[in-house]
C-alpha atoms as a PDB file:
ATOM      1  CA  MET A   1      11.336   3.447  10.543  1.00  0.00           C
ATOM      2  CA  ILE A   2      12.284   6.706  12.237  1.00  0.00           C
ATOM      3  CA  SER A   3      10.199   9.833  11.652  1.00  0.00           C
ATOM      4  CA  HIS A   4      11.681  13.265  12.328  1.00  0.00           C
ATOM      5  CA  SER A   5       8.500  15.304  11.835  1.00  0.00           C
ATOM      6  CA  GLU A   6       4.714  15.205  11.518  1.00  0.00           C
ATOM      7  CA  LYS A   7       5.153  15.461   7.748  1.00  0.00           C
ATOM      8  CA  GLU A   8       7.356  12.340   7.694  1.00  0.00           C
ATOM      9  CA  THR A   9       4.890  10.469   9.937  1.00  0.00           C
ATOM     10  CA  GLU A  10       2.041  11.367   7.574  1.00  0.00           C
ATOM     11  CA  GLU A  11       4.133  10.295   4.554  1.00  0.00           C
ATOM     12  CA  LEU A  12       4.865   6.936   6.209  1.00  0.00           C
ATOM     13  CA  GLY A  13       1.112   6.559   6.788  1.00  0.00           C
ATOM     14  CA  MET A  14       0.533   7.219   3.074  1.00  0.00           C
ATOM     15  CA  LYS A  15       3.080   4.566   2.070  1.00  0.00           C
ATOM     16  CA  PHE A  16       1.541   2.027   4.433  1.00  0.00           C
ATOM     17  CA  GLY A  17      -2.017   2.955   3.442  1.00  0.00           C
ATOM     18  CA  SER A  18      -1.322   2.489  -0.263  1.00  0.00           C
ATOM     19  CA  SER A  19      -0.976  -1.268   0.291  1.00  0.00           C
ATOM     20  CA  LEU A  20      -4.036  -1.707   2.525  1.00  0.00           C
ATOM     21  CA  ARG A  21      -6.997  -3.687   1.196  1.00  0.00           C
ATOM     22  CA  ARG A  22     -10.690  -3.933   1.923  1.00  0.00           C
ATOM     23  CA  GLY A  23     -11.155  -5.883   5.151  1.00  0.00           C
ATOM     24  CA  ASP A  24      -7.866  -4.781   6.719  1.00  0.00           C
ATOM     25  CA  LEU A  25      -7.861  -3.832  10.385  1.00  0.00           C
ATOM     26  CA  VAL A  26      -5.108  -1.617  11.784  1.00  0.00           C
ATOM     27  CA  SER A  27      -4.392  -1.109  15.469  1.00  0.00           C
ATOM     28  CA  LEU A  28      -2.596   2.182  16.138  1.00  0.00           C
ATOM     29  CA  VAL A  29      -0.626   1.947  19.386  1.00  0.00           C
ATOM     30  CA  GLY A  30       1.270   4.721  21.143  1.00  0.00           C
ATOM     31  CA  SER A  31       1.112   7.194  23.987  1.00  0.00           C
ATOM     32  CA  LEU A  32      -0.841  10.448  23.847  1.00  0.00           C
ATOM     33  CA  GLY A  33       0.779  12.730  21.293  1.00  0.00           C
ATOM     34  CA  ALA A  34       2.827   9.964  19.663  1.00  0.00           C
ATOM     35  CA  GLY A  35       1.363  10.613  16.207  1.00  0.00           C
ATOM     36  CA  LYS A  36      -1.364   7.993  15.783  1.00  0.00           C
ATOM     37  CA  THR A  37      -3.813  10.459  14.231  1.00  0.00           C
ATOM     38  CA  VAL A  38      -1.092  11.976  12.019  1.00  0.00           C
ATOM     39  CA  PHE A  39      -0.301   8.480  10.715  1.00  0.00           C
ATOM     40  CA  ALA A  40      -4.057   7.936  10.164  1.00  0.00           C
ATOM     41  CA  LYS A  41      -4.173  11.158   8.094  1.00  0.00           C
ATOM     42  CA  GLY A  42      -1.553   9.677   5.794  1.00  0.00           C
ATOM     43  CA  ILE A  43      -3.528   6.466   5.408  1.00  0.00           C
ATOM     44  CA  ALA A  44      -6.639   8.504   4.559  1.00  0.00           C
ATOM     45  CA  LYS A  45      -4.737  10.488   1.920  1.00  0.00           C
ATOM     46  CA  SER A  46      -3.556   7.251   0.316  1.00  0.00           C
ATOM     47  CA  LEU A  47      -7.215   6.226   0.033  1.00  0.00           C
ATOM     48  CA  GLY A  48      -8.092   9.465  -1.757  1.00  0.00           C
ATOM     49  CA  ILE A  49      -9.918  10.967   1.229  1.00  0.00           C
ATOM     50  CA  SER A  50      -9.715  14.752   1.240  1.00  0.00           C
ATOM     51  CA  GLU A  51     -11.800  15.377   4.375  1.00  0.00           C
ATOM     52  CA  ALA A  52      -9.964  16.561   7.480  1.00  0.00           C
ATOM     53  CA  ILE A  53      -9.051  13.557   9.627  1.00  0.00           C
ATOM     54  CA  VAL A  54      -9.421  14.235  13.331  1.00  0.00           C
ATOM     55  CA  SER A  55      -9.189  11.900  16.266  1.00  0.00           C
ATOM     56  CA  PRO A  56     -12.748  10.748  16.992  1.00  0.00           C
ATOM     57  CA  THR A  57     -12.199  10.841  20.758  1.00  0.00           C
ATOM     58  CA  PHE A  58     -15.675  12.141  21.573  1.00  0.00           C
ATOM     59  CA  THR A  59     -17.647  10.477  18.770  1.00  0.00           C
ATOM     60  CA  LEU A  60     -15.723   7.165  18.976  1.00  0.00           C
ATOM     61  CA  VAL A  61     -16.129   6.497  15.222  1.00  0.00           C
ATOM     62  CA  GLN A  62     -15.653   8.580  12.093  1.00  0.00           C
ATOM     63  CA  GLU A  63     -16.501   7.192   8.652  1.00  0.00           C
ATOM     64  CA  TYR A  64     -14.894   8.455   5.447  1.00  0.00           C
ATOM     65  CA  GLU A  65     -15.392   7.620   1.756  1.00  0.00           C
ATOM     66  CA  GLY A  66     -12.406   7.065  -0.543  1.00  0.00           C
ATOM     67  CA  ARG A  67     -11.180   4.260  -2.811  1.00  0.00           C
ATOM     68  CA  GLU A  68     -12.206   2.164   0.191  1.00  0.00           C
ATOM     69  CA  LYS A  69     -14.487   3.097   3.063  1.00  0.00           C
ATOM     70  CA  LEU A  70     -12.412   4.087   6.106  1.00  0.00           C
ATOM     71  CA  TYR A  71     -13.576   3.682   9.683  1.00  0.00           C
ATOM     72  CA  HIS A  72     -11.479   5.533  12.268  1.00  0.00           C
ATOM     73  CA  LEU A  73     -12.120   4.609  15.897  1.00  0.00           C
ATOM     74  CA  ASP A  74     -10.623   6.076  19.044  1.00  0.00           C
ATOM     75  CA  LEU A  75     -11.189   3.921  22.123  1.00  0.00           C
ATOM     76  CA  TYR A  76      -9.383   6.207  24.580  1.00  0.00           C
ATOM     77  CA  ARG A  77     -12.561   6.970  26.540  1.00  0.00           C
ATOM     78  CA  LEU A  78     -13.896   3.394  26.483  1.00  0.00           C
ATOM     79  CA  SER A  79     -13.689   1.337  29.650  1.00  0.00           C
ATOM     80  CA  GLY A  80     -13.013  -1.922  27.817  1.00  0.00           C
ATOM     81  CA  GLU A  81     -14.429  -4.802  25.822  1.00  0.00           C
ATOM     82  CA  ASP A  82     -17.936  -4.755  27.333  1.00  0.00           C
ATOM     83  CA  GLU A  83     -18.478  -1.133  26.385  1.00  0.00           C
ATOM     84  CA  PHE A  84     -17.016  -1.779  22.917  1.00  0.00           C
ATOM     85  CA  GLU A  85     -19.439  -4.671  22.387  1.00  0.00           C
ATOM     86  CA  SER A  86     -22.417  -2.628  23.627  1.00  0.00           C
ATOM     87  CA  MET A  87     -21.690   0.075  21.023  1.00  0.00           C
ATOM     88  CA  GLY A  88     -21.677  -2.557  18.248  1.00  0.00           C
ATOM     89  CA  GLY A  89     -17.932  -2.314  17.881  1.00  0.00           C
ATOM     90  CA  GLU A  90     -17.468  -5.900  16.737  1.00  0.00           C
ATOM     91  CA  ASP A  91     -18.818  -4.899  13.305  1.00  0.00           C
ATOM     92  CA  PHE A  92     -15.714  -2.745  12.801  1.00  0.00           C
ATOM     93  CA  LEU A  93     -13.379  -5.693  13.440  1.00  0.00           C
ATOM     94  CA  TYR A  94     -14.469  -7.305  10.151  1.00  0.00           C
ATOM     95  CA  PRO A  95     -15.034  -4.231   7.989  1.00  0.00           C
ATOM     96  CA  ASP A  96     -16.433  -3.760   4.499  1.00  0.00           C
ATOM     97  CA  GLY A  97     -13.625  -1.240   4.126  1.00  0.00           C
ATOM     98  CA  ILE A  98     -10.557  -0.487   6.244  1.00  0.00           C
ATOM     99  CA  THR A  99     -10.676   0.101  10.007  1.00  0.00           C
ATOM    100  CA  LEU A 100      -8.124   2.060  12.026  1.00  0.00           C
ATOM    101  CA  ILE A 101      -8.398   1.754  15.810  1.00  0.00           C
ATOM    102  CA  GLU A 102      -6.517   4.038  18.173  1.00  0.00           C
ATOM    103  CA  TRP A 103      -6.104   2.595  21.695  1.00  0.00           C
ATOM    104  CA  ALA A 104      -7.026  -0.892  20.433  1.00  0.00           C
ATOM    105  CA  GLU A 105      -5.088  -2.359  23.366  1.00  0.00           C
ATOM    106  CA  LYS A 106      -8.322  -1.818  25.345  1.00  0.00           C
ATOM    107  CA  ILE A 107      -9.918  -4.596  23.280  1.00  0.00           C
ATOM    108  CA  GLU A 108      -6.779  -6.638  22.672  1.00  0.00           C
ATOM    109  CA  GLU A 109      -8.483  -9.985  23.337  1.00  0.00           C
ATOM    110  CA  MET A 110     -11.097  -9.215  20.669  1.00  0.00           C
ATOM    111  CA  MET A 111      -8.682  -8.215  17.920  1.00  0.00           C
ATOM    112  CA  PRO A 112      -8.467 -10.668  14.999  1.00  0.00           C
ATOM    113  CA  SER A 113      -5.125 -12.428  14.650  1.00  0.00           C
ATOM    114  CA  ASP A 114      -4.592 -11.003  11.144  1.00  0.00           C
ATOM    115  CA  ALA A 115      -4.810  -7.345  12.223  1.00  0.00           C
ATOM    116  CA  PHE A 116      -1.896  -5.017  11.563  1.00  0.00           C
ATOM    117  CA  THR A 117      -0.353  -3.351  14.610  1.00  0.00           C
ATOM    118  CA  VAL A 118       1.369  -0.026  14.030  1.00  0.00           C
ATOM    119  CA  THR A 119       3.343   1.024  17.105  1.00  0.00           C
ATOM    120  CA  ILE A 120       4.585   4.601  17.382  1.00  0.00           C
ATOM    121  CA  SER A 121       7.091   5.319  20.151  1.00  0.00           C
ATOM    122  CA  ILE A 122       8.453   8.730  21.088  1.00  0.00           C
ATOM    123  CA  LEU A 123      12.235   8.578  21.392  1.00  0.00           C
ATOM    124  CA  SER A 124      14.292  10.740  23.775  1.00  0.00           C
ATOM    125  CA  ASP A 125      15.200  13.189  20.977  1.00  0.00           C
ATOM    126  CA  GLY A 126      11.531  13.667  20.008  1.00  0.00           C
ATOM    127  CA  THR A 127      11.698  11.539  16.877  1.00  0.00           C
ATOM    128  CA  ARG A 128       9.207   8.702  16.384  1.00  0.00           C
ATOM    129  CA  ASP A 129      10.031   5.018  15.964  1.00  0.00           C
ATOM    130  CA  ILE A 130       7.266   3.464  13.835  1.00  0.00           C
ATOM    131  CA  SER A 131       6.987  -0.299  13.450  1.00  0.00           C
ATOM    132  CA  ILE A 132       4.425  -2.577  11.801  1.00  0.00           C
ATOM    133  CA  LYS A 133       3.635  -6.139  12.795  1.00  0.00           C
ATOM    134  CA  GLY A 134       1.062  -8.693  11.711  1.00  0.00           C
ATOM    135  CA  GLY A 135      -1.399  -8.420   8.896  1.00  0.00           C
ATOM    136  CA  SER A 136      -2.774 -10.835   6.381  1.00  0.00           C
ATOM    137  CA  HIS A 137      -0.566  -9.600   3.519  1.00  0.00           C
ATOM    138  CA  GLU A 138       2.634  -7.662   2.875  1.00  0.00           C
ATOM    139  CA  CYS A 139       2.573  -3.980   3.824  1.00  0.00           C
ATOM    140  CA  SER A 140       5.638  -1.875   4.378  1.00  0.00           C
ATOM    141  CA  LEU A 141       6.829   1.641   5.070  1.00  0.00           C
ATOM    142  CA  SER A 142       9.631   1.573   2.518  1.00  0.00           C
END
């Protein structure tokens, strides 16, 4: 899907989030400023979460309550899998809610095979190309 604005990116996140289930793990992949956190805001809205969703770059993990518990991780500042394991990160890979992980490529080898991967690419005209792969069940942006 192509997004022309932050609003469209958030709306696509809401559509995707409405089909997520307890136990789902979502890897959000894209460069700085691509819209990963904006997409996460849409997912949170679809779960009935009204709190402000911010990238947890300095806290690493934010937890929110909605129709499902939402864990939002940002691994940008992590050095890799060892540091992720030492913070107890493996617990978030098999959640009792839904986990979103920004910069999950840092722990790629640890990611379960049934995780969703949402890739957001910035195109030359500033629009965003958003694609979804994987997952244990059908989820779409349409």
